[in-house]
Amino acid sequence: MERQFFVYILTNRPRGVLYVGVTNDLARRIHEDKLRIVAGFTERYGVSLLVYIEPYASILEARAREHSLKRWRRAWKIALVEKVNPGWRDLSDEI
């Protein structure tokens, strides 16, 4: 089985705080964020709604995309999310 990596965006509410991350186990990572197990940004700001996902076959590609998205302006990230998830629904039930 081939490994898959994910670049994702979390928020605390529609158009709220945005967090861009990368992981190889999206279900585990989202579970940790929802339970606020890992100390840091997501715990501090209550960021646990998964609103955007991009899959990658390579960790190098995923990290490059994460780095790129983190440098984007906030408005661009919001537009990206709204293009594929206009209702800002939590996608964690679909993973």
C-alpha atoms as a PDB file:
ATOM      1  CA  MET A   1       0.000   0.000   0.000  1.00  0.00           C
ATOM      2  CA  GLU A   2       1.349   3.378  -0.997  1.00  0.00           C
ATOM      3  CA  ARG A   3       1.624   6.092   1.666  1.00  0.00           C
ATOM      4  CA  GLN A   4      -0.415   9.197   1.255  1.00  0.00           C
ATOM      5  CA  PHE A   5       0.189  12.631   2.721  1.00  0.00           C
ATOM      6  CA  PHE A   6      -2.294  15.434   3.256  1.00  0.00           C
ATOM      7  CA  VAL A   7      -2.128  19.204   3.353  1.00  0.00           C
ATOM      8  CA  TYR A   8      -5.124  20.477   5.249  1.00  0.00           C
ATOM      9  CA  ILE A   9      -6.732  23.617   6.597  1.00  0.00           C
ATOM     10  CA  LEU A  10      -8.464  23.758   9.972  1.00  0.00           C
ATOM     11  CA  THR A  11     -10.557  26.547  11.432  1.00  0.00           C
ATOM     12  CA  ASN A  12     -12.502  27.294  14.594  1.00  0.00           C
ATOM     13  CA  ARG A  13     -15.504  28.699  12.670  1.00  0.00           C
ATOM     14  CA  PRO A  14     -16.282  29.883   9.116  1.00  0.00           C
ATOM     15  CA  ARG A  15     -13.802  32.604   8.156  1.00  0.00           C
ATOM     16  CA  GLY A  16     -12.227  32.303  11.607  1.00  0.00           C
ATOM     17  CA  VAL A  17      -8.696  31.389  12.611  1.00  0.00           C
ATOM     18  CA  LEU A  18      -6.956  29.341   9.895  1.00  0.00           C
ATOM     19  CA  TYR A  19      -4.330  26.655  10.438  1.00  0.00           C
ATOM     20  CA  VAL A  20      -2.439  24.975   7.580  1.00  0.00           C
ATOM     21  CA  GLY A  21      -0.761  21.649   8.289  1.00  0.00           C
ATOM     22  CA  VAL A  22       0.609  18.460   6.765  1.00  0.00           C
ATOM     23  CA  THR A  23       0.288  14.862   7.976  1.00  0.00           C
ATOM     24  CA  ASN A  24       0.464  11.263   6.834  1.00  0.00           C
ATOM     25  CA  ASP A  25      -2.440  10.230   9.100  1.00  0.00           C
ATOM     26  CA  LEU A  26      -5.239  12.739   8.706  1.00  0.00           C
ATOM     27  CA  ALA A  27      -7.799  10.885  10.833  1.00  0.00           C
ATOM     28  CA  ARG A  28      -5.391  10.657  13.788  1.00  0.00           C
ATOM     29  CA  ARG A  29      -4.331  14.280  13.475  1.00  0.00           C
ATOM     30  CA  ILE A  30      -7.895  15.597  13.339  1.00  0.00           C
ATOM     31  CA  HIS A  31      -8.848  13.385  16.300  1.00  0.00           C
ATOM     32  CA  GLU A  32      -5.959  14.876  18.298  1.00  0.00           C
ATOM     33  CA  ASP A  33      -7.034  18.409  17.380  1.00  0.00           C
ATOM     34  CA  LYS A  34     -10.682  17.822  18.295  1.00  0.00           C
ATOM     35  CA  LEU A  35      -9.661  16.449  21.718  1.00  0.00           C
ATOM     36  CA  ARG A  36      -6.961  19.147  22.105  1.00  0.00           C
ATOM     37  CA  ILE A  37      -4.383  16.479  22.957  1.00  0.00           C
ATOM     38  CA  VAL A  38      -1.398  18.239  21.373  1.00  0.00           C
ATOM     39  CA  ALA A  39      -0.347  21.540  22.918  1.00  0.00           C
ATOM     40  CA  GLY A  40       0.172  24.394  20.508  1.00  0.00           C
ATOM     41  CA  PHE A  41      -1.661  26.589  18.038  1.00  0.00           C
ATOM     42  CA  THR A  42      -4.658  24.317  17.423  1.00  0.00           C
ATOM     43  CA  GLU A  43      -5.227  23.809  21.146  1.00  0.00           C
ATOM     44  CA  ARG A  44      -4.771  27.495  22.001  1.00  0.00           C
ATOM     45  CA  TYR A  45      -7.219  28.735  19.365  1.00  0.00           C
ATOM     46  CA  GLY A  46      -9.698  25.827  19.401  1.00  0.00           C
ATOM     47  CA  VAL A  47      -9.015  25.049  15.760  1.00  0.00           C
ATOM     48  CA  SER A  48     -10.606  21.674  14.996  1.00  0.00           C
ATOM     49  CA  LEU A  49     -12.924  21.982  11.982  1.00  0.00           C
ATOM     50  CA  LEU A  50     -11.396  20.385   8.889  1.00  0.00           C
ATOM     51  CA  VAL A  51     -12.452  22.545   5.935  1.00  0.00           C
ATOM     52  CA  TYR A  52      -9.887  21.744   3.209  1.00  0.00           C
ATOM     53  CA  ILE A  53      -7.805  18.713   2.165  1.00  0.00           C
ATOM     54  CA  GLU A  54      -5.249  18.080  -0.591  1.00  0.00           C
ATOM     55  CA  PRO A  55      -3.761  14.564  -0.936  1.00  0.00           C
ATOM     56  CA  TYR A  56      -0.179  13.965  -2.103  1.00  0.00           C
ATOM     57  CA  ALA A  57       1.855  10.842  -2.852  1.00  0.00           C
ATOM     58  CA  SER A  58       5.111  12.497  -1.768  1.00  0.00           C
ATOM     59  CA  ILE A  59       5.967  14.120   1.550  1.00  0.00           C
ATOM     60  CA  LEU A  60       8.247  16.515  -0.323  1.00  0.00           C
ATOM     61  CA  GLU A  61       5.364  17.746  -2.485  1.00  0.00           C
ATOM     62  CA  ALA A  62       3.068  17.975   0.530  1.00  0.00           C
ATOM     63  CA  ARG A  63       5.569  19.994   2.564  1.00  0.00           C
ATOM     64  CA  ALA A  64       6.270  22.298  -0.372  1.00  0.00           C
ATOM     65  CA  ARG A  65       2.534  22.949  -0.765  1.00  0.00           C
ATOM     66  CA  GLU A  66       2.110  23.488   2.996  1.00  0.00           C
ATOM     67  CA  HIS A  67       4.971  25.992   2.965  1.00  0.00           C
ATOM     68  CA  SER A  68       3.428  27.760  -0.034  1.00  0.00           C
ATOM     69  CA  LEU A  69      -0.043  27.968   1.560  1.00  0.00           C
ATOM     70  CA  LYS A  70       1.376  29.278   4.824  1.00  0.00           C
ATOM     71  CA  ARG A  71       2.847  32.206   2.895  1.00  0.00           C
ATOM     72  CA  TRP A  72      -0.462  32.991   1.170  1.00  0.00           C
ATOM     73  CA  ARG A  73      -2.519  35.961   2.234  1.00  0.00           C
ATOM     74  CA  ARG A  74      -5.494  35.161   4.441  1.00  0.00           C
ATOM     75  CA  ALA A  75      -7.970  36.216   1.730  1.00  0.00           C
ATOM     76  CA  TRP A  76      -6.426  33.745  -0.720  1.00  0.00           C
ATOM     77  CA  LYS A  77      -6.765  30.882   1.779  1.00  0.00           C
ATOM     78  CA  ILE A  78     -10.394  31.802   2.422  1.00  0.00           C
ATOM     79  CA  ALA A  79     -11.071  31.868  -1.329  1.00  0.00           C
ATOM     80  CA  LEU A  80      -9.396  28.440  -1.703  1.00  0.00           C
ATOM     81  CA  VAL A  81     -11.610  26.937   1.000  1.00  0.00           C
ATOM     82  CA  GLU A  82     -14.772  28.564  -0.336  1.00  0.00           C
ATOM     83  CA  LYS A  83     -14.057  27.291  -3.857  1.00  0.00           C
ATOM     84  CA  VAL A  84     -14.318  23.641  -2.743  1.00  0.00           C
ATOM     85  CA  ASN A  85     -16.249  23.989   0.523  1.00  0.00           C
ATOM     86  CA  PRO A  86     -18.487  27.085   0.293  1.00  0.00           C
ATOM     87  CA  GLY A  87     -20.488  26.113   3.379  1.00  0.00           C
ATOM     88  CA  TRP A  88     -17.368  25.667   5.522  1.00  0.00           C
ATOM     89  CA  ARG A  89     -18.675  22.268   6.647  1.00  0.00           C
ATOM     90  CA  ASP A  90     -16.493  20.003   8.737  1.00  0.00           C
ATOM     91  CA  LEU A  91     -14.978  17.389   6.399  1.00  0.00           C
ATOM     92  CA  SER A  92     -13.678  15.195   9.224  1.00  0.00           C
ATOM     93  CA  ASP A  93     -16.659  12.846   8.928  1.00  0.00           C
ATOM     94  CA  GLU A  94     -15.596  12.033   5.364  1.00  0.00           C
ATOM     95  CA  ILE A  95     -12.076  10.822   6.162  1.00  0.00           C
END
